[in-house]
Structures are given as structure tokens and as C-alpha cells.
Amino acid sequence: MVPAAGSRVSGPLGRSRLQLSRPMSSGAHSEQGSARVWKALTCLVALPRVGVSMLNVFLKSHPGEEGRRESVDYPHLRIRSKPFPWEDGNHTLVQNPHVNLLPTGCEDE
């Protein structure tokens, strides 16, 4: 019975050794196959998605017929407790007259 008990123990241990020596990735893809899958995903999914995102930003960045937004004078916006240390003290360092409003409203008005 000793040989039989030894064969019962070595059977499961032998199978576990085979499973441990197997690579971590699935056996379905080799290294070349995996690279081909990632290349296809990049070309067919990622690059078109970047293009669509760029088109979306381009189309939304132009105001079109809406024009400039209205300046609403909320009391908590554009508070200046002390002037900026450059120019007239009212303009920010990277002032854009089309986007950044002054405390008095738009620069054009």
C-alpha cells in the first residue's frame, strides 16, 4: 500500500508543478499575436477616438452665432482686495479680453 499512497500523492503534486511552470499569460496569444492585437487596438480604436475628440474641441471652441457671453455681475466674482502688481492692477497676468472679464465687465464696453 505504500506505493499506492505514494502514487496518489505524486499525482496531484505532479499536476500542480505543471500548472506552476505555465506562463502567466494565456496560451492563446504568443508575443507576436499580442503585439498585433495592441497595434490593431491602437490604430482602430485609440487614434480615431483622439481624432473625434479633437474635432469636438475644435467645433466647440468657435463661438459661432452665439457670440460673447453676457457679463453677469455677481458680488462674489472678480473680487480684488488689492491690485495686481503689474500694469494697471486690474488685468490678470495672462489677460484675454475675449474670455477674462474685468470687475467692471467686458473690456470692449
C-alpha atoms as a PDB file:
ATOM      1  CA  MET A   1       0.000   0.000   0.000  1.00  0.00           C
ATOM      2  CA  VAL A   2       2.908   2.315   0.385  1.00  0.00           C
ATOM      3  CA  PRO A   3       3.500   2.531  -3.367  1.00  0.00           C
ATOM      4  CA  ALA A   4      -0.184   3.213  -3.966  1.00  0.00           C
ATOM      5  CA  ALA A   5      -0.218   6.010  -1.393  1.00  0.00           C
ATOM      6  CA  GLY A   6       2.894   7.478  -2.952  1.00  0.00           C
ATOM      7  CA  SER A   7       1.290   7.492  -6.408  1.00  0.00           C
ATOM      8  CA  ARG A   8      -1.830   9.214  -5.051  1.00  0.00           C
ATOM      9  CA  VAL A   9       0.266  11.986  -3.537  1.00  0.00           C
ATOM     10  CA  SER A  10       2.554  12.402  -6.512  1.00  0.00           C
ATOM     11  CA  GLY A  11      -0.422  12.649  -8.907  1.00  0.00           C
ATOM     12  CA  PRO A  12      -1.807  15.960  -7.578  1.00  0.00           C
ATOM     13  CA  LEU A  13       1.688  17.300  -6.908  1.00  0.00           C
ATOM     14  CA  GLY A  14       2.752  16.463 -10.428  1.00  0.00           C
ATOM     15  CA  ARG A  15      -0.224  18.353 -11.865  1.00  0.00           C
ATOM     16  CA  SER A  16       0.408  21.384  -9.665  1.00  0.00           C
ATOM     17  CA  ARG A  17       4.030  21.505 -10.839  1.00  0.00           C
ATOM     18  CA  LEU A  18       2.812  21.656 -14.424  1.00  0.00           C
ATOM     19  CA  GLN A  19       0.449  24.500 -13.588  1.00  0.00           C
ATOM     20  CA  LEU A  20       3.186  26.455 -11.797  1.00  0.00           C
ATOM     21  CA  SER A  21       5.578  26.170 -14.709  1.00  0.00           C
ATOM     22  CA  ARG A  22       3.000  27.570 -17.136  1.00  0.00           C
ATOM     23  CA  PRO A  23       3.495  31.204 -18.179  1.00  0.00           C
ATOM     24  CA  MET A  24       1.245  33.834 -16.641  1.00  0.00           C
ATOM     25  CA  SER A  25      -0.379  34.846 -19.937  1.00  0.00           C
ATOM     26  CA  SER A  26      -2.953  32.687 -21.620  1.00  0.00           C
ATOM     27  CA  GLY A  27      -1.648  30.245 -24.162  1.00  0.00           C
ATOM     28  CA  ALA A  28      -3.913  31.691 -26.881  1.00  0.00           C
ATOM     29  CA  HIS A  29      -1.612  34.590 -27.815  1.00  0.00           C
ATOM     30  CA  SER A  30       2.074  34.482 -28.476  1.00  0.00           C
ATOM     31  CA  GLU A  31       4.229  37.600 -28.133  1.00  0.00           C
ATOM     32  CA  GLN A  32       3.739  38.472 -31.800  1.00  0.00           C
ATOM     33  CA  GLY A  33      -0.001  37.894 -31.572  1.00  0.00           C
ATOM     34  CA  SER A  34      -0.262  40.106 -28.519  1.00  0.00           C
ATOM     35  CA  ALA A  35       1.664  42.891 -30.226  1.00  0.00           C
ATOM     36  CA  ARG A  36      -0.611  42.566 -33.259  1.00  0.00           C
ATOM     37  CA  VAL A  37      -3.705  42.894 -31.038  1.00  0.00           C
ATOM     38  CA  TRP A  38      -2.385  46.040 -29.333  1.00  0.00           C
ATOM     39  CA  LYS A  39      -1.345  47.548 -32.663  1.00  0.00           C
ATOM     40  CA  ALA A  40      -4.817  46.902 -34.076  1.00  0.00           C
ATOM     41  CA  LEU A  41      -6.488  48.388 -30.983  1.00  0.00           C
ATOM     42  CA  THR A  42      -4.309  51.481 -31.239  1.00  0.00           C
ATOM     43  CA  CYS A  43      -4.987  52.007 -34.939  1.00  0.00           C
ATOM     44  CA  LEU A  44      -8.675  51.103 -34.950  1.00  0.00           C
ATOM     45  CA  VAL A  45      -9.834  52.442 -31.577  1.00  0.00           C
ATOM     46  CA  ALA A  46      -7.425  54.907 -29.981  1.00  0.00           C
ATOM     47  CA  LEU A  47      -6.406  57.050 -32.967  1.00  0.00           C
ATOM     48  CA  PRO A  48      -9.972  57.561 -34.282  1.00  0.00           C
ATOM     49  CA  ARG A  49     -11.095  58.431 -30.768  1.00  0.00           C
ATOM     50  CA  VAL A  50      -8.372  61.077 -30.486  1.00  0.00           C
ATOM     51  CA  GLY A  51      -9.435  62.469 -33.872  1.00  0.00           C
ATOM     52  CA  VAL A  52     -13.091  62.674 -32.850  1.00  0.00           C
ATOM     53  CA  SER A  53     -12.107  64.376 -29.591  1.00  0.00           C
ATOM     54  CA  MET A  54     -10.005  66.937 -31.472  1.00  0.00           C
ATOM     55  CA  LEU A  55     -12.907  67.631 -33.837  1.00  0.00           C
ATOM     56  CA  ASN A  56     -15.250  68.062 -30.878  1.00  0.00           C
ATOM     57  CA  VAL A  57     -12.929  70.581 -29.217  1.00  0.00           C
ATOM     58  CA  PHE A  58     -12.419  72.451 -32.495  1.00  0.00           C
ATOM     59  CA  LEU A  59     -16.148  72.748 -33.176  1.00  0.00           C
ATOM     60  CA  LYS A  60     -16.984  73.829 -29.625  1.00  0.00           C
ATOM     61  CA  SER A  61     -14.124  76.343 -29.374  1.00  0.00           C
ATOM     62  CA  HIS A  62     -15.595  78.650 -32.023  1.00  0.00           C
ATOM     63  CA  PRO A  63     -18.496  80.663 -30.622  1.00  0.00           C
ATOM     64  CA  GLY A  64     -20.382  80.662 -33.931  1.00  0.00           C
ATOM     65  CA  GLU A  65     -23.596  82.705 -33.869  1.00  0.00           C
ATOM     66  CA  GLU A  66     -23.883  82.903 -30.089  1.00  0.00           C
ATOM     67  CA  GLY A  67     -21.105  85.469 -29.836  1.00  0.00           C
ATOM     68  CA  ARG A  68     -19.776  86.608 -26.490  1.00  0.00           C
ATOM     69  CA  ARG A  69     -21.451  85.561 -23.291  1.00  0.00           C
ATOM     70  CA  GLU A  70     -23.229  88.129 -21.212  1.00  0.00           C
ATOM     71  CA  SER A  71     -21.415  89.627 -18.245  1.00  0.00           C
ATOM     72  CA  VAL A  72     -23.415  88.938 -15.080  1.00  0.00           C
ATOM     73  CA  ASP A  73     -22.321  90.971 -12.085  1.00  0.00           C
ATOM     74  CA  TYR A  74     -22.412  88.563  -9.156  1.00  0.00           C
ATOM     75  CA  PRO A  75     -20.980  90.031  -5.925  1.00  0.00           C
ATOM     76  CA  HIS A  76     -18.691  87.045  -5.257  1.00  0.00           C
ATOM     77  CA  LEU A  77     -16.987  87.153  -8.685  1.00  0.00           C
ATOM     78  CA  ARG A  78     -13.889  89.160  -9.654  1.00  0.00           C
ATOM     79  CA  ILE A  79     -13.168  90.425  -6.140  1.00  0.00           C
ATOM     80  CA  ARG A  80      -9.922  92.417  -5.970  1.00  0.00           C
ATOM     81  CA  SER A  81      -8.834  93.055  -2.382  1.00  0.00           C
ATOM     82  CA  LYS A  82      -5.626  94.631  -3.670  1.00  0.00           C
ATOM     83  CA  PRO A  83      -4.458  95.391  -7.213  1.00  0.00           C
ATOM     84  CA  PHE A  84      -2.190  93.115  -9.202  1.00  0.00           C
ATOM     85  CA  PRO A  85       1.483  94.224  -9.076  1.00  0.00           C
ATOM     86  CA  TRP A  86       1.724  94.726 -12.875  1.00  0.00           C
ATOM     87  CA  GLU A  87       0.327  97.199 -15.369  1.00  0.00           C
ATOM     88  CA  ASP A  88      -2.790  98.968 -14.140  1.00  0.00           C
ATOM     89  CA  GLY A  89      -3.502  96.417 -11.393  1.00  0.00           C
ATOM     90  CA  ASN A  90      -6.833  95.397 -12.872  1.00  0.00           C
ATOM     91  CA  HIS A  91      -5.743  92.984 -15.603  1.00  0.00           C
ATOM     92  CA  THR A  92      -4.521  89.459 -14.848  1.00  0.00           C
ATOM     93  CA  LEU A  93      -1.049  88.411 -15.953  1.00  0.00           C
ATOM     94  CA  VAL A  94      -2.425  86.424 -18.894  1.00  0.00           C
ATOM     95  CA  GLN A  95      -5.415  88.626 -19.693  1.00  0.00           C
ATOM     96  CA  ASN A  96      -7.536  87.583 -22.662  1.00  0.00           C
ATOM     97  CA  PRO A  97     -10.137  90.236 -23.467  1.00  0.00           C
ATOM     98  CA  HIS A  98     -12.444  87.668 -25.073  1.00  0.00           C
ATOM     99  CA  VAL A  99     -12.548  85.299 -22.104  1.00  0.00           C
ATOM    100  CA  ASN A 100     -11.405  87.050 -18.909  1.00  0.00           C
ATOM    101  CA  LEU A 101     -13.787  89.691 -17.680  1.00  0.00           C
ATOM    102  CA  LEU A 102     -12.786  92.671 -15.573  1.00  0.00           C
ATOM    103  CA  PRO A 103     -14.693  93.650 -12.399  1.00  0.00           C
ATOM    104  CA  THR A 104     -16.384  96.358 -14.435  1.00  0.00           C
ATOM    105  CA  GLY A 105     -17.425  93.889 -17.185  1.00  0.00           C
ATOM    106  CA  CYS A 106     -16.034  93.394 -20.689  1.00  0.00           C
ATOM    107  CA  GLU A 107     -13.075  95.484 -21.873  1.00  0.00           C
ATOM    108  CA  ASP A 108     -14.839  96.438 -25.097  1.00  0.00           C
ATOM    109  CA  GLU A 109     -17.813  98.045 -23.387  1.00  0.00           C
END
